[in-house]
C-alpha atoms as a PDB file:
ATOM      1  CA  MET A   1     -42.000 -79.014 -51.786  1.00  0.00           C
ATOM      2  CA  VAL A   2     -42.969 -82.630 -52.267  1.00  0.00           C
ATOM      3  CA  ALA A   3     -40.595 -82.749 -55.247  1.00  0.00           C
ATOM      4  CA  ILE A   4     -37.655 -81.857 -52.979  1.00  0.00           C
ATOM      5  CA  GLY A   5     -38.624 -84.349 -50.305  1.00  0.00           C
ATOM      6  CA  ILE A   6     -40.774 -82.312 -47.927  1.00  0.00           C
ATOM      7  CA  GLY A   7     -44.006 -84.276 -47.664  1.00  0.00           C
ATOM      8  CA  ILE A   8     -47.422 -82.884 -46.818  1.00  0.00           C
ATOM      9  CA  ASP A   9     -47.217 -83.950 -43.164  1.00  0.00           C
ATOM     10  CA  GLU A  10     -43.800 -82.325 -42.779  1.00  0.00           C
ATOM     11  CA  GLN A  11     -45.072 -79.153 -44.453  1.00  0.00           C
ATOM     12  CA  LYS A  12     -47.947 -78.966 -41.973  1.00  0.00           C
ATOM     13  CA  ARG A  13     -45.685 -79.731 -39.005  1.00  0.00           C
ATOM     14  CA  ARG A  14     -43.257 -76.963 -39.979  1.00  0.00           C
ATOM     15  CA  GLY A  15     -45.938 -74.512 -41.103  1.00  0.00           C
ATOM     16  CA  LEU A  16     -44.517 -74.357 -44.613  1.00  0.00           C
ATOM     17  CA  THR A  17     -46.615 -72.946 -47.409  1.00  0.00           C
ATOM     18  CA  PHE A  18     -45.948 -71.571 -50.865  1.00  0.00           C
ATOM     19  CA  HIS A  19     -46.164 -68.175 -49.180  1.00  0.00           C
ATOM     20  CA  SER A  20     -43.061 -69.140 -47.167  1.00  0.00           C
ATOM     21  CA  TRP A  21     -41.142 -69.091 -50.446  1.00  0.00           C
ATOM     22  CA  ARG A  22     -41.853 -65.349 -50.804  1.00  0.00           C
ATOM     23  CA  HIS A  23     -40.294 -64.676 -47.405  1.00  0.00           C
ATOM     24  CA  PHE A  24     -37.264 -66.820 -48.240  1.00  0.00           C
ATOM     25  CA  SER A  25     -36.783 -65.301 -51.700  1.00  0.00           C
ATOM     26  CA  ASN A  26     -37.125 -61.733 -50.446  1.00  0.00           C
ATOM     27  CA  SER A  27     -34.568 -62.360 -47.690  1.00  0.00           C
ATOM     28  CA  ALA A  28     -32.106 -64.331 -49.819  1.00  0.00           C
ATOM     29  CA  ILE A  29     -32.033 -61.764 -52.625  1.00  0.00           C
ATOM     30  CA  ARG A  30     -32.139 -58.569 -50.567  1.00  0.00           C
ATOM     31  CA  GLY A  31     -28.769 -56.883 -50.528  1.00  0.00           C
ATOM     32  CA  ASP A  32     -27.728 -58.399 -53.872  1.00  0.00           C
ATOM     33  CA  ILE A  33     -29.958 -56.068 -55.884  1.00  0.00           C
ATOM     34  CA  ALA A  34     -31.423 -52.633 -55.275  1.00  0.00           C
ATOM     35  CA  ASP A  35     -34.479 -52.621 -53.015  1.00  0.00           C
ATOM     36  CA  SER A  36     -36.448 -50.852 -55.763  1.00  0.00           C
ATOM     37  CA  VAL A  37     -35.757 -53.765 -58.149  1.00  0.00           C
ATOM     38  CA  LEU A  38     -36.583 -56.349 -55.482  1.00  0.00           C
ATOM     39  CA  GLN A  39     -39.793 -54.509 -54.642  1.00  0.00           C
ATOM     40  CA  GLN A  40     -40.885 -54.582 -58.285  1.00  0.00           C
ATOM     41  CA  ALA A  41     -39.845 -58.197 -58.809  1.00  0.00           C
ATOM     42  CA  MET A  42     -41.721 -59.352 -55.705  1.00  0.00           C
ATOM     43  CA  GLY A  43     -44.762 -57.277 -56.616  1.00  0.00           C
ATOM     44  CA  HIS A  44     -44.666 -55.234 -53.418  1.00  0.00           C
ATOM     45  CA  SER A  45     -46.574 -51.974 -53.543  1.00  0.00           C
ATOM     46  CA  SER A  46     -44.280 -50.316 -50.995  1.00  0.00           C
ATOM     47  CA  VAL A  47     -40.845 -50.579 -49.406  1.00  0.00           C
ATOM     48  CA  GLU A  48     -42.655 -51.272 -46.128  1.00  0.00           C
ATOM     49  CA  MET A  49     -43.975 -54.522 -47.605  1.00  0.00           C
ATOM     50  CA  THR A  50     -40.476 -55.481 -48.754  1.00  0.00           C
ATOM     51  CA  ASP A  51     -39.292 -54.806 -45.195  1.00  0.00           C
ATOM     52  CA  ARG A  52     -42.098 -56.955 -43.813  1.00  0.00           C
ATOM     53  CA  TYR A  53     -40.997 -59.940 -45.882  1.00  0.00           C
ATOM     54  CA  TYR A  54     -37.340 -59.579 -44.904  1.00  0.00           C
ATOM     55  CA  HIS A  55     -35.824 -62.052 -42.452  1.00  0.00           C
ATOM     56  CA  MET A  56     -32.080 -62.066 -41.923  1.00  0.00           C
ATOM     57  CA  THR A  57     -30.471 -65.209 -43.338  1.00  0.00           C
ATOM     58  CA  ALA A  58     -27.792 -67.124 -41.429  1.00  0.00           C
ATOM     59  CA  ASP A  59     -25.082 -65.749 -43.754  1.00  0.00           C
ATOM     60  CA  GLN A  60     -26.364 -62.201 -43.323  1.00  0.00           C
ATOM     61  CA  GLY A  61     -26.421 -62.682 -39.563  1.00  0.00           C
ATOM     62  CA  GLU A  62     -22.840 -63.902 -39.582  1.00  0.00           C
ATOM     63  CA  SER A  63     -21.771 -60.905 -41.698  1.00  0.00           C
ATOM     64  CA  TYR A  64     -23.517 -58.634 -39.214  1.00  0.00           C
ATOM     65  CA  ARG A  65     -21.789 -60.272 -36.234  1.00  0.00           C
ATOM     66  CA  LYS A  66     -18.379 -59.970 -37.907  1.00  0.00           C
ATOM     67  CA  SER A  67     -18.980 -56.329 -38.725  1.00  0.00           C
ATOM     68  CA  VAL A  68     -20.040 -55.535 -35.139  1.00  0.00           C
ATOM     69  CA  LYS A  69     -16.975 -57.341 -33.802  1.00  0.00           C
ATOM     70  CA  THR A  70     -14.687 -55.401 -36.138  1.00  0.00           C
ATOM     71  CA  ASN A  71     -16.299 -51.969 -36.201  1.00  0.00           C
ATOM     72  CA  ILE A  72     -18.283 -51.454 -32.998  1.00  0.00           C
ATOM     73  CA  ILE A  73     -16.841 -53.553 -30.172  1.00  0.00           C
ATOM     74  CA  PRO A  74     -13.354 -51.973 -30.381  1.00  0.00           C
ATOM     75  CA  ILE A  75     -14.864 -48.480 -30.179  1.00  0.00           C
ATOM     76  CA  VAL A  76     -17.154 -49.339 -27.257  1.00  0.00           C
ATOM     77  CA  PHE A  77     -14.417 -51.051 -25.262  1.00  0.00           C
ATOM     78  CA  GLY A  78     -11.944 -48.316 -26.186  1.00  0.00           C
ATOM     79  CA  VAL A  79     -14.318 -45.704 -24.776  1.00  0.00           C
ATOM     80  CA  LEU A  80     -14.964 -47.769 -21.637  1.00  0.00           C
ATOM     81  CA  LYS A  81     -11.231 -48.205 -20.990  1.00  0.00           C
ATOM     82  CA  THR A  82     -10.610 -44.451 -21.161  1.00  0.00           C
ATOM     83  CA  ALA A  83     -13.654 -43.500 -19.059  1.00  0.00           C
END
């Protein structure tokens, strides 16, 4: 982290550790490859561990919001209008 400009004090302030990289990597890669491949690559003994390390990225969150807006909101409001 120091090599990319995040000094020791900043790492401590933000709670960043090498372990943080596992969370980031798991989240950034998930969805691009099969979970079984990700699980093996990350060294997880179970899919539950892969789930534990998953945190939705900003791009994934935006994709989710767009999908809800397109696929769910029209149905919900359509049902409410006819009720």
